[in-house]
Amino acid sequence: MKKPPSKQDMRERLEKQVAAFLSDGGKVQELKTGDSAYDRSSIPPTTPPVFEARKSSRTPLNDVVAALDARRAEKRSRKKIVRQRASKRKRQVVYDDFGEPLRVVWIEE
């Protein structure tokens, strides 16, 4: 995958192009603020059309949207079944004063 050029690379490339243009005898014309490159008395430049395709008719999807909404409402109206879990039993070892195991006890949580 190609890495896009950095801003520094783009600046250097532009400076080289300007230097080559000036060395070939080109001149840079400076314009005052607010001046335009177009002649105001002539017709303004045409802009390309944004959408070239003609307007097409759309397919109505009201019935599809209504079916989806009905399905969604049905899911929301269902009551959730909450199952009570069986109490978990946990195994615990009881030790004596010397750290020796005495017995195993099951504790419900």
N, C-alpha and C. Protein backbone atom coordinates (compact mmCIF):
# COMPACT_ATOMS: atom_id res chain seq x y z
N MET A 1 0.83 -1.16 0.00
CA MET A 1 0.00 0.00 0.00
C MET A 1 0.89 1.24 0.00
N LYS A 2 0.59 2.17 -0.91
CA LYS A 2 1.40 3.37 -1.02
C LYS A 2 1.08 4.33 0.11
N LYS A 3 2.14 4.95 0.62
CA LYS A 3 1.97 5.95 1.66
C LYS A 3 1.67 7.29 1.00
N PRO A 4 0.65 8.03 1.45
CA PRO A 4 0.36 9.33 0.85
C PRO A 4 1.50 10.30 1.14
N PRO A 5 1.76 11.23 0.21
CA PRO A 5 2.87 12.16 0.43
C PRO A 5 2.58 13.09 1.61
N SER A 6 3.64 13.42 2.33
CA SER A 6 3.47 14.31 3.47
C SER A 6 3.35 15.75 2.97
N LYS A 7 2.96 16.65 3.85
CA LYS A 7 2.83 18.06 3.47
C LYS A 7 4.19 18.63 3.05
N GLN A 8 5.24 18.21 3.73
CA GLN A 8 6.58 18.68 3.39
C GLN A 8 6.96 18.24 1.99
N ASP A 9 6.65 17.00 1.63
CA ASP A 9 6.95 16.51 0.28
C ASP A 9 6.16 17.30 -0.77
N MET A 10 4.90 17.59 -0.45
CA MET A 10 4.08 18.34 -1.40
C MET A 10 4.61 19.76 -1.58
N ARG A 11 5.07 20.38 -0.48
CA ARG A 11 5.64 21.73 -0.57
C ARG A 11 6.89 21.73 -1.44
N GLU A 12 7.77 20.76 -1.20
CA GLU A 12 9.01 20.68 -1.98
C GLU A 12 8.72 20.46 -3.46
N ARG A 13 7.76 19.61 -3.76
CA ARG A 13 7.38 19.35 -5.16
C ARG A 13 6.83 20.61 -5.82
N LEU A 14 6.01 21.36 -5.10
CA LEU A 14 5.45 22.60 -5.64
C LEU A 14 6.55 23.64 -5.86
N GLU A 15 7.49 23.73 -4.93
CA GLU A 15 8.60 24.68 -5.09
C GLU A 15 9.44 24.33 -6.31
N LYS A 16 9.68 23.05 -6.56
CA LYS A 16 10.44 22.62 -7.74
C LYS A 16 9.70 22.96 -9.02
N GLN A 17 8.37 22.76 -9.01
CA GLN A 17 7.59 23.08 -10.21
C GLN A 17 7.59 24.58 -10.49
N VAL A 18 7.48 25.39 -9.45
CA VAL A 18 7.51 26.85 -9.63
C VAL A 18 8.88 27.28 -10.13
N ALA A 19 9.94 26.71 -9.56
CA ALA A 19 11.30 27.05 -10.01
C ALA A 19 11.49 26.66 -11.46
N ALA A 20 10.99 25.49 -11.86
CA ALA A 20 11.12 25.06 -13.26
C ALA A 20 10.33 25.99 -14.18
N PHE A 21 9.15 26.43 -13.76
CA PHE A 21 8.32 27.34 -14.56
C PHE A 21 9.03 28.69 -14.74
N LEU A 22 9.60 29.20 -13.66
CA LEU A 22 10.29 30.49 -13.74
C LEU A 22 11.58 30.39 -14.55
N SER A 23 12.29 29.27 -14.46
CA SER A 23 13.54 29.11 -15.22
C SER A 23 13.28 28.97 -16.72
N ASP A 24 12.09 28.51 -17.10
CA ASP A 24 11.73 28.40 -18.52
C ASP A 24 11.21 29.73 -19.07
N GLY A 25 11.23 30.77 -18.28
CA GLY A 25 10.80 32.08 -18.76
C GLY A 25 9.39 32.44 -18.37
N GLY A 26 8.76 31.67 -17.54
CA GLY A 26 7.41 31.98 -17.11
C GLY A 26 7.39 33.16 -16.14
N LYS A 27 6.27 33.84 -16.10
CA LYS A 27 6.15 34.98 -15.19
C LYS A 27 4.94 34.76 -14.29
N VAL A 28 5.05 35.25 -13.06
CA VAL A 28 3.97 35.16 -12.09
C VAL A 28 3.30 36.53 -12.04
N GLN A 29 2.01 36.55 -12.30
CA GLN A 29 1.27 37.81 -12.26
C GLN A 29 0.56 37.90 -10.93
N GLU A 30 0.81 38.98 -10.21
CA GLU A 30 0.16 39.15 -8.91
C GLU A 30 -1.11 39.95 -9.10
N LEU A 31 -2.17 39.54 -8.43
CA LEU A 31 -3.46 40.21 -8.50
C LEU A 31 -3.78 40.84 -7.15
N LYS A 32 -4.57 41.92 -7.19
CA LYS A 32 -4.98 42.57 -5.95
C LYS A 32 -6.06 41.72 -5.28
N THR A 33 -6.24 41.93 -4.01
CA THR A 33 -7.27 41.21 -3.27
C THR A 33 -8.64 41.55 -3.85
N GLY A 34 -9.43 40.55 -4.13
CA GLY A 34 -10.77 40.75 -4.67
C GLY A 34 -10.83 40.63 -6.18
N ASP A 35 -9.68 40.66 -6.86
CA ASP A 35 -9.67 40.50 -8.31
C ASP A 35 -9.96 39.05 -8.66
N SER A 36 -10.53 38.87 -9.83
CA SER A 36 -10.85 37.53 -10.28
C SER A 36 -10.13 37.25 -11.59
N ALA A 37 -9.90 36.00 -11.87
CA ALA A 37 -9.25 35.62 -13.12
C ALA A 37 -10.23 35.68 -14.28
N TYR A 38 -11.52 35.78 -13.98
CA TYR A 38 -12.54 35.81 -15.02
C TYR A 38 -12.95 37.25 -15.31
N ASP A 39 -13.29 37.48 -16.55
CA ASP A 39 -13.77 38.79 -16.97
C ASP A 39 -15.22 38.93 -16.49
N ARG A 40 -15.50 39.99 -15.74
CA ARG A 40 -16.84 40.15 -15.16
C ARG A 40 -17.91 40.45 -16.21
N SER A 41 -17.51 41.00 -17.34
CA SER A 41 -18.50 41.32 -18.37
C SER A 41 -18.93 40.09 -19.16
N SER A 42 -18.13 39.07 -19.15
CA SER A 42 -18.48 37.87 -19.91
C SER A 42 -19.31 36.93 -19.04
N ILE A 43 -19.78 35.85 -19.63
CA ILE A 43 -20.59 34.86 -18.93
C ILE A 43 -19.68 34.10 -17.96
N PRO A 44 -20.15 33.88 -16.74
CA PRO A 44 -19.31 33.15 -15.77
C PRO A 44 -19.05 31.72 -16.26
N PRO A 45 -17.96 31.15 -15.83
CA PRO A 45 -17.63 29.78 -16.27
C PRO A 45 -18.71 28.81 -15.83
N THR A 46 -18.95 27.84 -16.66
CA THR A 46 -19.97 26.85 -16.33
C THR A 46 -19.41 25.84 -15.36
N THR A 47 -20.25 25.41 -14.46
CA THR A 47 -19.83 24.38 -13.51
C THR A 47 -20.40 23.05 -14.00
N PRO A 48 -19.66 22.01 -13.82
CA PRO A 48 -20.17 20.70 -14.26
C PRO A 48 -21.36 20.30 -13.40
N PRO A 49 -22.31 19.62 -13.98
CA PRO A 49 -23.48 19.21 -13.19
C PRO A 49 -23.08 18.23 -12.09
N VAL A 50 -23.67 18.40 -10.95
CA VAL A 50 -23.34 17.54 -9.81
C VAL A 50 -23.91 16.14 -10.02
N PHE A 51 -25.18 16.10 -10.45
CA PHE A 51 -25.82 14.82 -10.71
C PHE A 51 -26.11 14.73 -12.20
N GLU A 52 -25.45 13.81 -12.87
CA GLU A 52 -25.63 13.69 -14.31
C GLU A 52 -26.82 12.80 -14.66
N ALA A 53 -27.17 11.89 -13.79
CA ALA A 53 -28.26 10.98 -14.08
C ALA A 53 -29.60 11.70 -13.93
N ARG A 54 -30.53 11.31 -14.75
CA ARG A 54 -31.86 11.91 -14.64
C ARG A 54 -32.56 11.38 -13.40
N LYS A 55 -33.51 12.15 -12.96
CA LYS A 55 -34.26 11.76 -11.78
C LYS A 55 -35.08 10.52 -12.09
N SER A 56 -34.93 9.53 -11.27
CA SER A 56 -35.66 8.27 -11.49
C SER A 56 -36.75 8.14 -10.43
N SER A 57 -37.75 7.36 -10.76
CA SER A 57 -38.83 7.17 -9.81
C SER A 57 -38.36 6.24 -8.70
N ARG A 58 -38.88 6.45 -7.53
CA ARG A 58 -38.47 5.65 -6.38
C ARG A 58 -39.47 4.54 -6.12
N THR A 59 -38.97 3.48 -5.56
CA THR A 59 -39.83 2.35 -5.24
C THR A 59 -40.41 2.56 -3.85
N PRO A 60 -41.72 2.60 -3.72
CA PRO A 60 -42.30 2.80 -2.38
C PRO A 60 -42.08 1.56 -1.51
N LEU A 61 -41.63 1.78 -0.31
CA LEU A 61 -41.35 0.68 0.61
C LEU A 61 -42.16 0.81 1.89
N ASN A 62 -43.30 1.48 1.82
CA ASN A 62 -44.10 1.69 3.02
C ASN A 62 -44.54 0.38 3.66
N ASP A 63 -44.93 -0.61 2.83
CA ASP A 63 -45.38 -1.88 3.38
C ASP A 63 -44.24 -2.64 4.05
N VAL A 64 -43.03 -2.51 3.50
CA VAL A 64 -41.87 -3.19 4.10
C VAL A 64 -41.54 -2.55 5.44
N VAL A 65 -41.56 -1.22 5.50
CA VAL A 65 -41.27 -0.52 6.75
C VAL A 65 -42.33 -0.85 7.80
N ALA A 66 -43.58 -0.90 7.38
CA ALA A 66 -44.66 -1.24 8.31
C ALA A 66 -44.48 -2.65 8.87
N ALA A 67 -44.08 -3.60 8.03
CA ALA A 67 -43.86 -4.97 8.49
C ALA A 67 -42.72 -5.03 9.50
N LEU A 68 -41.65 -4.28 9.24
CA LEU A 68 -40.52 -4.25 10.17
C LEU A 68 -40.92 -3.63 11.50
N ASP A 69 -41.69 -2.54 11.45
CA ASP A 69 -42.15 -1.90 12.67
C ASP A 69 -43.06 -2.83 13.48
N ALA A 70 -43.93 -3.56 12.79
CA ALA A 70 -44.81 -4.50 13.48
C ALA A 70 -44.01 -5.60 14.15
N ARG A 71 -43.00 -6.11 13.46
CA ARG A 71 -42.16 -7.15 14.05
C ARG A 71 -41.42 -6.63 15.28
N ARG A 72 -40.94 -5.40 15.19
CA ARG A 72 -40.23 -4.80 16.32
C ARG A 72 -41.17 -4.60 17.50
N ALA A 73 -42.39 -4.14 17.24
CA ALA A 73 -43.37 -3.93 18.31
C ALA A 73 -43.74 -5.26 18.96
N GLU A 74 -43.83 -6.31 18.17
CA GLU A 74 -44.15 -7.63 18.71
C GLU A 74 -43.06 -8.11 19.65
N LYS A 75 -41.82 -7.88 19.29
CA LYS A 75 -40.71 -8.30 20.14
C LYS A 75 -40.71 -7.52 21.45
N ARG A 76 -41.06 -6.24 21.38
CA ARG A 76 -41.07 -5.42 22.60
C ARG A 76 -42.22 -5.80 23.52
N SER A 77 -43.32 -6.27 22.96
CA SER A 77 -44.48 -6.57 23.79
C SER A 77 -44.35 -7.90 24.52
N ARG A 78 -43.49 -8.76 24.05
CA ARG A 78 -43.31 -10.05 24.72
C ARG A 78 -42.72 -9.83 26.12
N LYS A 79 -43.23 -10.60 27.07
CA LYS A 79 -42.68 -10.51 28.40
C LYS A 79 -41.47 -11.42 28.49
N LYS A 80 -40.48 -10.92 29.14
CA LYS A 80 -39.28 -11.73 29.30
C LYS A 80 -39.51 -12.76 30.40
N ILE A 81 -39.12 -13.96 30.12
CA ILE A 81 -39.25 -15.03 31.10
C ILE A 81 -37.97 -15.05 31.92
N VAL A 82 -38.15 -14.80 33.18
CA VAL A 82 -37.00 -14.78 34.08
C VAL A 82 -36.97 -16.11 34.81
N ARG A 83 -35.96 -16.85 34.57
CA ARG A 83 -35.82 -18.14 35.22
C ARG A 83 -34.99 -17.97 36.48
N GLN A 84 -35.46 -18.56 37.52
CA GLN A 84 -34.68 -18.51 38.74
C GLN A 84 -33.66 -19.63 38.69
N ARG A 85 -32.49 -19.24 38.91
CA ARG A 85 -31.42 -20.24 38.87
C ARG A 85 -31.43 -21.04 40.17
N ALA A 86 -31.06 -22.26 40.01
CA ALA A 86 -30.94 -23.10 41.20
C ALA A 86 -29.81 -22.52 42.05
N SER A 87 -30.00 -22.58 43.33
CA SER A 87 -28.98 -22.01 44.21
C SER A 87 -27.68 -22.77 43.99
N LYS A 88 -26.63 -21.98 43.90
CA LYS A 88 -25.33 -22.61 43.68
C LYS A 88 -24.79 -23.11 45.01
N ARG A 89 -24.23 -24.25 44.91
CA ARG A 89 -23.61 -24.83 46.09
C ARG A 89 -22.11 -24.74 45.92
N LYS A 90 -21.47 -24.35 47.00
CA LYS A 90 -20.03 -24.19 46.97
C LYS A 90 -19.39 -25.11 48.00
N ARG A 91 -18.33 -25.73 47.58
CA ARG A 91 -17.63 -26.67 48.47
C ARG A 91 -16.63 -25.90 49.31
N GLN A 92 -16.66 -26.12 50.61
CA GLN A 92 -15.72 -25.45 51.50
C GLN A 92 -15.12 -26.48 52.44
N VAL A 93 -13.83 -26.38 52.59
CA VAL A 93 -13.12 -27.31 53.46
C VAL A 93 -12.94 -26.64 54.82
N VAL A 94 -13.27 -27.37 55.88
CA VAL A 94 -13.10 -26.85 57.25
C VAL A 94 -11.79 -27.42 57.79
N TYR A 95 -10.95 -26.50 58.30
CA TYR A 95 -9.64 -26.89 58.82
C TYR A 95 -9.62 -26.76 60.33
N ASP A 96 -8.76 -27.55 60.95
CA ASP A 96 -8.60 -27.42 62.40
C ASP A 96 -7.56 -26.36 62.71
N ASP A 97 -7.22 -26.21 64.00
CA ASP A 97 -6.29 -25.16 64.42
C ASP A 97 -4.89 -25.35 63.87
N PHE A 98 -4.55 -26.56 63.46
CA PHE A 98 -3.21 -26.84 62.98
C PHE A 98 -3.12 -26.84 61.45
N GLY A 99 -4.24 -26.50 60.78
CA GLY A 99 -4.24 -26.42 59.33
C GLY A 99 -4.56 -27.73 58.64
N GLU A 100 -4.96 -28.73 59.40
CA GLU A 100 -5.31 -30.02 58.82
C GLU A 100 -6.79 -30.01 58.44
N PRO A 101 -7.13 -30.56 57.27
CA PRO A 101 -8.55 -30.58 56.89
C PRO A 101 -9.33 -31.55 57.75
N LEU A 102 -10.49 -31.07 58.24
CA LEU A 102 -11.34 -31.91 59.08
C LEU A 102 -12.46 -32.54 58.25
N ARG A 103 -13.20 -31.68 57.52
CA ARG A 103 -14.34 -32.19 56.76
C ARG A 103 -14.65 -31.22 55.62
N VAL A 104 -15.51 -31.63 54.72
CA VAL A 104 -15.96 -30.82 53.59
C VAL A 104 -17.40 -30.45 53.84
N VAL A 105 -17.72 -29.15 53.69
CA VAL A 105 -19.07 -28.65 53.91
C VAL A 105 -19.53 -27.98 52.62
N TRP A 106 -20.80 -28.22 52.26
CA TRP A 106 -21.38 -27.56 51.09
C TRP A 106 -22.17 -26.36 51.56
N ILE A 107 -21.87 -25.19 50.98
CA ILE A 107 -22.55 -23.95 51.38
C ILE A 107 -23.35 -23.45 50.19
N GLU A 108 -24.62 -23.08 50.46
CA GLU A 108 -25.45 -22.53 49.37
C GLU A 108 -25.31 -21.03 49.34
N GLU A 109 -25.16 -20.48 48.15
CA GLU A 109 -24.99 -19.03 47.99
C GLU A 109 -26.26 -18.40 47.57
